[in-house]
Amino acid sequence: MKEIKDLNLKELKKLNEMDEKGLKSELSNSAKTLYVLSMKKEVGELKQTHLIKALRRYVAQIKTVATSKGLNIG
């Protein structure tokens, strides 16, 4: 799945090592990308709809890691 690798999703281990600032920026970038992909899907420009599911789960992972660290980022 070359397309998913192009999204530059970090592994869970690397997310756990990040600090609050890094997690916030990662969440912000991922949420923006998710929004863009969702809009492209609605317009009919997105052929690889499986990317939305992968990105949604990645955003959830970021939020879970932040919550487990006691951070309120999102």
PDB file of N, CA and C in Angstrom:
ATOM      1  N   MET A   1       0.833  -1.184   0.000  1.00  0.00           N
ATOM      2  CA  MET A   1       0.000   0.000   0.000  1.00  0.00           C
ATOM      3  C   MET A   1       0.877   1.246   0.000  1.00  0.00           C
ATOM      4  N   LYS A   2       1.362   1.568  -1.162  1.00  0.00           N
ATOM      5  CA  LYS A   2       2.257   2.706  -1.315  1.00  0.00           C
ATOM      6  C   LYS A   2       1.581   4.011  -0.914  1.00  0.00           C
ATOM      7  N   GLU A   3       0.289   4.121  -1.183  1.00  0.00           N
ATOM      8  CA  GLU A   3      -0.423   5.367  -0.904  1.00  0.00           C
ATOM      9  C   GLU A   3      -0.457   5.672   0.592  1.00  0.00           C
ATOM     10  N   ILE A   4      -0.634   4.641   1.401  1.00  0.00           N
ATOM     11  CA  ILE A   4      -0.676   4.854   2.848  1.00  0.00           C
ATOM     12  C   ILE A   4       0.697   5.276   3.351  1.00  0.00           C
ATOM     13  N   LYS A   5       1.752   4.730   2.770  1.00  0.00           N
ATOM     14  CA  LYS A   5       3.095   5.149   3.156  1.00  0.00           C
ATOM     15  C   LYS A   5       3.339   6.603   2.770  1.00  0.00           C
ATOM     16  N   ASP A   6       2.685   7.067   1.722  1.00  0.00           N
ATOM     17  CA  ASP A   6       2.834   8.458   1.299  1.00  0.00           C
ATOM     18  C   ASP A   6       2.203   9.432   2.289  1.00  0.00           C
ATOM     19  N   LEU A   7       1.316   8.949   3.146  1.00  0.00           N
ATOM     20  CA  LEU A   7       0.690   9.813   4.146  1.00  0.00           C
ATOM     21  C   LEU A   7       1.647  10.144   5.293  1.00  0.00           C
ATOM     22  N   ASN A   8       2.778   9.443   5.374  1.00  0.00           N
ATOM     23  CA  ASN A   8       3.788   9.657   6.414  1.00  0.00           C
ATOM     24  C   ASN A   8       3.225   9.473   7.812  1.00  0.00           C
ATOM     25  N   LEU A   9       2.531   8.369   8.027  1.00  0.00           N
ATOM     26  CA  LEU A   9       1.987   8.067   9.342  1.00  0.00           C
ATOM     27  C   LEU A   9       3.096   7.464  10.200  1.00  0.00           C
ATOM     28  N   LYS A  10       3.234   7.966  11.405  1.00  0.00           N
ATOM     29  CA  LYS A  10       4.248   7.464  12.319  1.00  0.00           C
ATOM     30  C   LYS A  10       3.735   6.224  13.038  1.00  0.00           C
ATOM     31  N   GLU A  11       4.678   5.397  13.483  1.00  0.00           N
ATOM     32  CA  GLU A  11       4.312   4.214  14.236  1.00  0.00           C
ATOM     33  C   GLU A  11       3.904   4.606  15.645  1.00  0.00           C
ATOM     34  N   LEU A  12       3.173   3.729  16.311  1.00  0.00           N
ATOM     35  CA  LEU A  12       2.678   3.989  17.654  1.00  0.00           C
ATOM     36  C   LEU A  12       3.831   4.217  18.633  1.00  0.00           C
ATOM     37  N   LYS A  13       4.913   3.510  18.434  1.00  0.00           N
ATOM     38  CA  LYS A  13       6.075   3.652  19.312  1.00  0.00           C
ATOM     39  C   LYS A  13       6.637   5.073  19.233  1.00  0.00           C
ATOM     40  N   LYS A  14       6.696   5.618  18.028  1.00  0.00           N
ATOM     41  CA  LYS A  14       7.214   6.980  17.862  1.00  0.00           C
ATOM     42  C   LYS A  14       6.239   8.017  18.410  1.00  0.00           C
ATOM     43  N   LEU A  15       4.952   7.730  18.311  1.00  0.00           N
ATOM     44  CA  LEU A  15       3.958   8.642  18.879  1.00  0.00           C
ATOM     45  C   LEU A  15       4.084   8.704  20.401  1.00  0.00           C
ATOM     46  N   ASN A  16       4.366   7.556  21.019  1.00  0.00           N
ATOM     47  CA  ASN A  16       4.524   7.526  22.468  1.00  0.00           C
ATOM     48  C   ASN A  16       5.737   8.319  22.937  1.00  0.00           C
ATOM     49  N   GLU A  17       6.741   8.448  22.085  1.00  0.00           N
ATOM     50  CA  GLU A  17       7.951   9.173  22.450  1.00  0.00           C
ATOM     51  C   GLU A  17       7.817  10.682  22.262  1.00  0.00           C
ATOM     52  N   MET A  18       6.783  11.119  21.574  1.00  0.00           N
ATOM     53  CA  MET A  18       6.622  12.545  21.282  1.00  0.00           C
ATOM     54  C   MET A  18       6.150  13.316  22.514  1.00  0.00           C
ATOM     55  N   ASP A  19       6.495  14.606  22.534  1.00  0.00           N
ATOM     56  CA  ASP A  19       6.025  15.474  23.609  1.00  0.00           C
ATOM     57  C   ASP A  19       4.705  16.120  23.193  1.00  0.00           C
ATOM     58  N   GLU A  20       4.179  16.977  24.064  1.00  0.00           N
ATOM     59  CA  GLU A  20       2.864  17.587  23.818  1.00  0.00           C
ATOM     60  C   GLU A  20       2.855  18.423  22.543  1.00  0.00           C
ATOM     61  N   LYS A  21       3.900  19.197  22.343  1.00  0.00           N
ATOM     62  CA  LYS A  21       3.970  20.062  21.159  1.00  0.00           C
ATOM     63  C   LYS A  21       3.994  19.235  19.874  1.00  0.00           C
ATOM     64  N   GLY A  22       4.755  18.159  19.887  1.00  0.00           N
ATOM     65  CA  GLY A  22       4.826  17.286  18.719  1.00  0.00           C
ATOM     66  C   GLY A  22       3.509  16.607  18.414  1.00  0.00           C
ATOM     67  N   LEU A  23       2.834  16.162  19.478  1.00  0.00           N
ATOM     68  CA  LEU A  23       1.532  15.512  19.285  1.00  0.00           C
ATOM     69  C   LEU A  23       0.504  16.492  18.747  1.00  0.00           C
ATOM     70  N   LYS A  24       0.541  17.730  19.252  1.00  0.00           N
ATOM     71  CA  LYS A  24      -0.402  18.740  18.758  1.00  0.00           C
ATOM     72  C   LYS A  24      -0.180  19.021  17.279  1.00  0.00           C
ATOM     73  N   SER A  25       1.075  19.165  16.883  1.00  0.00           N
ATOM     74  CA  SER A  25       1.343  19.455  15.475  1.00  0.00           C
ATOM     75  C   SER A  25       0.987  18.268  14.586  1.00  0.00           C
ATOM     76  N   GLU A  26       1.257  17.053  15.064  1.00  0.00           N
ATOM     77  CA  GLU A  26       0.921  15.852  14.301  1.00  0.00           C
ATOM     78  C   GLU A  26      -0.594  15.726  14.145  1.00  0.00           C
ATOM     79  N   LEU A  27      -1.329  16.017  15.218  1.00  0.00           N
ATOM     80  CA  LEU A  27      -2.786  15.959  15.161  1.00  0.00           C
ATOM     81  C   LEU A  27      -3.337  17.015  14.211  1.00  0.00           C
ATOM     82  N   SER A  28      -2.774  18.204  14.279  1.00  0.00           N
ATOM     83  CA  SER A  28      -3.232  19.287  13.415  1.00  0.00           C
ATOM     84  C   SER A  28      -3.006  18.950  11.940  1.00  0.00           C
ATOM     85  N   ASN A  29      -1.813  18.483  11.623  1.00  0.00           N
ATOM     86  CA  ASN A  29      -1.496  18.139  10.231  1.00  0.00           C
ATOM     87  C   ASN A  29      -2.372  16.995   9.728  1.00  0.00           C
ATOM     88  N   SER A  30      -2.561  15.989  10.570  1.00  0.00           N
ATOM     89  CA  SER A  30      -3.372  14.838  10.167  1.00  0.00           C
ATOM     90  C   SER A  30      -4.835  15.211   9.999  1.00  0.00           C
ATOM     91  N   ALA A  31      -5.346  16.070  10.876  1.00  0.00           N
ATOM     92  CA  ALA A  31      -6.740  16.492  10.769  1.00  0.00           C
ATOM     93  C   ALA A  31      -6.962  17.307   9.496  1.00  0.00           C
ATOM     94  N   LYS A  32      -6.004  18.157   9.142  1.00  0.00           N
ATOM     95  CA  LYS A  32      -6.113  18.934   7.906  1.00  0.00           C
ATOM     96  C   LYS A  32      -6.105  18.019   6.686  1.00  0.00           C
ATOM     97  N   THR A  33      -5.214  17.046   6.699  1.00  0.00           N
ATOM     98  CA  THR A  33      -5.135  16.103   5.584  1.00  0.00           C
ATOM     99  C   THR A  33      -6.416  15.290   5.474  1.00  0.00           C
ATOM    100  N   LEU A  34      -6.961  14.886   6.617  1.00  0.00           N
ATOM    101  CA  LEU A  34      -8.219  14.142   6.623  1.00  0.00           C
ATOM    102  C   LEU A  34      -9.348  14.975   6.042  1.00  0.00           C
ATOM    103  N   TYR A  35      -9.394  16.243   6.397  1.00  0.00           N
ATOM    104  CA  TYR A  35     -10.423  17.143   5.871  1.00  0.00           C
ATOM    105  C   TYR A  35     -10.294  17.274   4.351  1.00  0.00           C
ATOM    106  N   VAL A  36      -9.074  17.456   3.877  1.00  0.00           N
ATOM    107  CA  VAL A  36      -8.851  17.604   2.431  1.00  0.00           C
ATOM    108  C   VAL A  36      -9.274  16.341   1.690  1.00  0.00           C
ATOM    109  N   LEU A  37      -8.901  15.180   2.230  1.00  0.00           N
ATOM    110  CA  LEU A  37      -9.281  13.923   1.579  1.00  0.00           C
ATOM    111  C   LEU A  37     -10.794  13.727   1.591  1.00  0.00           C
ATOM    112  N   SER A  38     -11.440  14.107   2.691  1.00  0.00           N
ATOM    113  CA  SER A  38     -12.899  13.974   2.762  1.00  0.00           C
ATOM    114  C   SER A  38     -13.593  14.864   1.739  1.00  0.00           C
ATOM    115  N   MET A  39     -13.101  16.074   1.578  1.00  0.00           N
ATOM    116  CA  MET A  39     -13.683  16.989   0.600  1.00  0.00           C
ATOM    117  C   MET A  39     -13.454  16.484  -0.824  1.00  0.00           C
ATOM    118  N   LYS A  40     -12.273  15.948  -1.082  1.00  0.00           N
ATOM    119  CA  LYS A  40     -11.995  15.388  -2.406  1.00  0.00           C
ATOM    120  C   LYS A  40     -12.916  14.208  -2.695  1.00  0.00           C
ATOM    121  N   LYS A  41     -13.212  13.410  -1.664  1.00  0.00           N
ATOM    122  CA  LYS A  41     -14.108  12.271  -1.851  1.00  0.00           C
ATOM    123  C   LYS A  41     -15.512  12.744  -2.195  1.00  0.00           C
ATOM    124  N   GLU A  42     -15.968  13.775  -1.506  1.00  0.00           N
ATOM    125  CA  GLU A  42     -17.314  14.297  -1.753  1.00  0.00           C
ATOM    126  C   GLU A  42     -17.448  14.862  -3.162  1.00  0.00           C
ATOM    127  N   VAL A  43     -16.393  15.474  -3.653  1.00  0.00           N
ATOM    128  CA  VAL A  43     -16.423  16.059  -4.988  1.00  0.00           C
ATOM    129  C   VAL A  43     -16.249  14.988  -6.060  1.00  0.00           C
ATOM    130  N   GLY A  44     -15.646  13.864  -5.666  1.00  0.00           N
ATOM    131  CA  GLY A  44     -15.440  12.779  -6.621  1.00  0.00           C
ATOM    132  C   GLY A  44     -14.044  12.740  -7.182  1.00  0.00           C
ATOM    133  N   GLU A  45     -13.109  13.481  -6.598  1.00  0.00           N
ATOM    134  CA  GLU A  45     -11.736  13.511  -7.094  1.00  0.00           C
ATOM    135  C   GLU A  45     -10.873  12.417  -6.478  1.00  0.00           C
ATOM    136  N   LEU A  46     -11.309  11.819  -5.372  1.00  0.00           N
ATOM    137  CA  LEU A  46     -10.494  10.848  -4.657  1.00  0.00           C
ATOM    138  C   LEU A  46     -10.827   9.440  -5.118  1.00  0.00           C
ATOM    139  N   LYS A  47      -9.836   8.763  -5.675  1.00  0.00           N
ATOM    140  CA  LYS A  47     -10.026   7.388  -6.124  1.00  0.00           C
ATOM    141  C   LYS A  47      -9.651   6.388  -5.034  1.00  0.00           C
ATOM    142  N   GLN A  48      -8.758   6.784  -4.115  1.00  0.00           N
ATOM    143  CA  GLN A  48      -8.265   5.882  -3.082  1.00  0.00           C
ATOM    144  C   GLN A  48      -8.976   6.178  -1.760  1.00  0.00           C
ATOM    145  N   THR A  49     -10.203   5.742  -1.677  1.00  0.00           N
ATOM    146  CA  THR A  49     -11.019   6.069  -0.513  1.00  0.00           C
ATOM    147  C   THR A  49     -10.542   5.359   0.747  1.00  0.00           C
ATOM    148  N   HIS A  50      -9.731   4.325   0.615  1.00  0.00           N
ATOM    149  CA  HIS A  50      -9.220   3.613   1.786  1.00  0.00           C
ATOM    150  C   HIS A  50      -8.281   4.481   2.624  1.00  0.00           C
ATOM    151  N   LEU A  51      -7.770   5.548   2.059  1.00  0.00           N
ATOM    152  CA  LEU A  51      -6.869   6.438   2.792  1.00  0.00           C
ATOM    153  C   LEU A  51      -7.601   7.160   3.923  1.00  0.00           C
ATOM    154  N   ILE A  52      -8.877   7.429   3.729  1.00  0.00           N
ATOM    155  CA  ILE A  52      -9.654   8.138   4.749  1.00  0.00           C
ATOM    156  C   ILE A  52      -9.759   7.283   6.008  1.00  0.00           C
ATOM    157  N   LYS A  53     -10.025   6.002   5.852  1.00  0.00           N
ATOM    158  CA  LYS A  53     -10.138   5.113   7.007  1.00  0.00           C
ATOM    159  C   LYS A  53      -8.808   5.037   7.753  1.00  0.00           C
ATOM    160  N   ALA A  54      -7.714   4.906   7.028  1.00  0.00           N
ATOM    161  CA  ALA A  54      -6.402   4.819   7.665  1.00  0.00           C
ATOM    162  C   ALA A  54      -6.079   6.097   8.427  1.00  0.00           C
ATOM    163  N   LEU A  55      -6.395   7.234   7.840  1.00  0.00           N
ATOM    164  CA  LEU A  55      -6.100   8.509   8.481  1.00  0.00           C
ATOM    165  C   LEU A  55      -6.998   8.755   9.687  1.00  0.00           C
ATOM    166  N   ARG A  56      -8.261   8.336   9.613  1.00  0.00           N
ATOM    167  CA  ARG A  56      -9.161   8.468  10.757  1.00  0.00           C
ATOM    168  C   ARG A  56      -8.644   7.679  11.955  1.00  0.00           C
ATOM    169  N   ARG A  57      -8.166   6.480  11.686  1.00  0.00           N
ATOM    170  CA  ARG A  57      -7.629   5.647  12.760  1.00  0.00           C
ATOM    171  C   ARG A  57      -6.342   6.243  13.324  1.00  0.00           C
ATOM    172  N   TYR A  58      -5.533   6.860  12.471  1.00  0.00           N
ATOM    173  CA  TYR A  58      -4.290   7.490  12.916  1.00  0.00           C
ATOM    174  C   TYR A  58      -4.579   8.670  13.836  1.00  0.00           C
ATOM    175  N   VAL A  59      -5.576   9.466  13.490  1.00  0.00           N
ATOM    176  CA  VAL A  59      -5.972  10.591  14.348  1.00  0.00           C
ATOM    177  C   VAL A  59      -6.450  10.061  15.700  1.00  0.00           C
ATOM    178  N   ALA A  60      -7.185   8.965  15.696  1.00  0.00           N
ATOM    179  CA  ALA A  60      -7.649   8.370  16.945  1.00  0.00           C
ATOM    180  C   ALA A  60      -6.472   7.869  17.777  1.00  0.00           C
ATOM    181  N   GLN A  61      -5.451   7.323  17.128  1.00  0.00           N
ATOM    182  CA  GLN A  61      -4.266   6.870  17.848  1.00  0.00           C
ATOM    183  C   GLN A  61      -3.552   8.039  18.517  1.00  0.00           C
ATOM    184  N   ILE A  62      -3.433   9.141  17.809  1.00  0.00           N
ATOM    185  CA  ILE A  62      -2.780  10.320  18.377  1.00  0.00           C
ATOM    186  C   ILE A  62      -3.539  10.795  19.610  1.00  0.00           C
ATOM    187  N   LYS A  63      -4.855  10.852  19.493  1.00  0.00           N
ATOM    188  CA  LYS A  63      -5.673  11.299  20.625  1.00  0.00           C
ATOM    189  C   LYS A  63      -5.569  10.329  21.801  1.00  0.00           C
ATOM    190  N   THR A  64      -5.495   9.044  21.528  1.00  0.00           N
ATOM    191  CA  THR A  64      -5.370   8.042  22.579  1.00  0.00           C
ATOM    192  C   THR A  64      -4.034   8.172  23.307  1.00  0.00           C
ATOM    193  N   VAL A  65      -2.968   8.368  22.552  1.00  0.00           N
ATOM    194  CA  VAL A  65      -1.655   8.546  23.164  1.00  0.00           C
ATOM    195  C   VAL A  65      -1.637   9.789  24.038  1.00  0.00           C
ATOM    196  N   ALA A  66      -2.224  10.872  23.551  1.00  0.00           N
ATOM    197  CA  ALA A  66      -2.270  12.108  24.324  1.00  0.00           C
ATOM    198  C   ALA A  66      -3.059  11.918  25.611  1.00  0.00           C
ATOM    199  N   THR A  67      -4.180  11.215  25.539  1.00  0.00           N
ATOM    200  CA  THR A  67      -5.002  10.985  26.721  1.00  0.00           C
ATOM    201  C   THR A  67      -4.264  10.112  27.730  1.00  0.00           C
ATOM    202  N   SER A  68      -3.541   9.108  27.233  1.00  0.00           N
ATOM    203  CA  SER A  68      -2.805   8.231  28.146  1.00  0.00           C
ATOM    204  C   SER A  68      -1.676   8.975  28.857  1.00  0.00           C
ATOM    205  N   LYS A  69      -1.176  10.051  28.251  1.00  0.00           N
ATOM    206  CA  LYS A  69      -0.141  10.865  28.880  1.00  0.00           C
ATOM    207  C   LYS A  69      -0.736  11.949  29.769  1.00  0.00           C
ATOM    208  N   GLY A  70      -2.052  12.048  29.780  1.00  0.00           N
ATOM    209  CA  GLY A  70      -2.714  13.051  30.611  1.00  0.00           C
ATOM    210  C   GLY A  70      -2.788  14.404  29.951  1.00  0.00           C
ATOM    211  N   LEU A  71      -2.669  14.458  28.638  1.00  0.00           N
ATOM    212  CA  LEU A  71      -2.727  15.716  27.891  1.00  0.00           C
ATOM    213  C   LEU A  71      -4.125  15.912  27.331  1.00  0.00           C
ATOM    214  N   ASN A  72      -4.524  17.144  27.182  1.00  0.00           N
ATOM    215  CA  ASN A  72      -5.815  17.450  26.593  1.00  0.00           C
ATOM    216  C   ASN A  72      -5.556  18.283  25.330  1.00  0.00           C
ATOM    217  N   ILE A  73      -5.343  17.584  24.214  1.00  0.00           N
ATOM    218  CA  ILE A  73      -4.969  18.299  22.993  1.00  0.00           C
ATOM    219  C   ILE A  73      -6.081  18.376  21.971  1.00  0.00           C
ATOM    220  N   GLY A  74      -7.122  17.606  22.133  1.00  0.00           N
ATOM    221  CA  GLY A  74      -8.021  17.684  21.046  1.00  0.00           C
ATOM    222  C   GLY A  74      -9.406  17.314  21.195  1.00  0.00           C
TER     223      GLY A  74
END
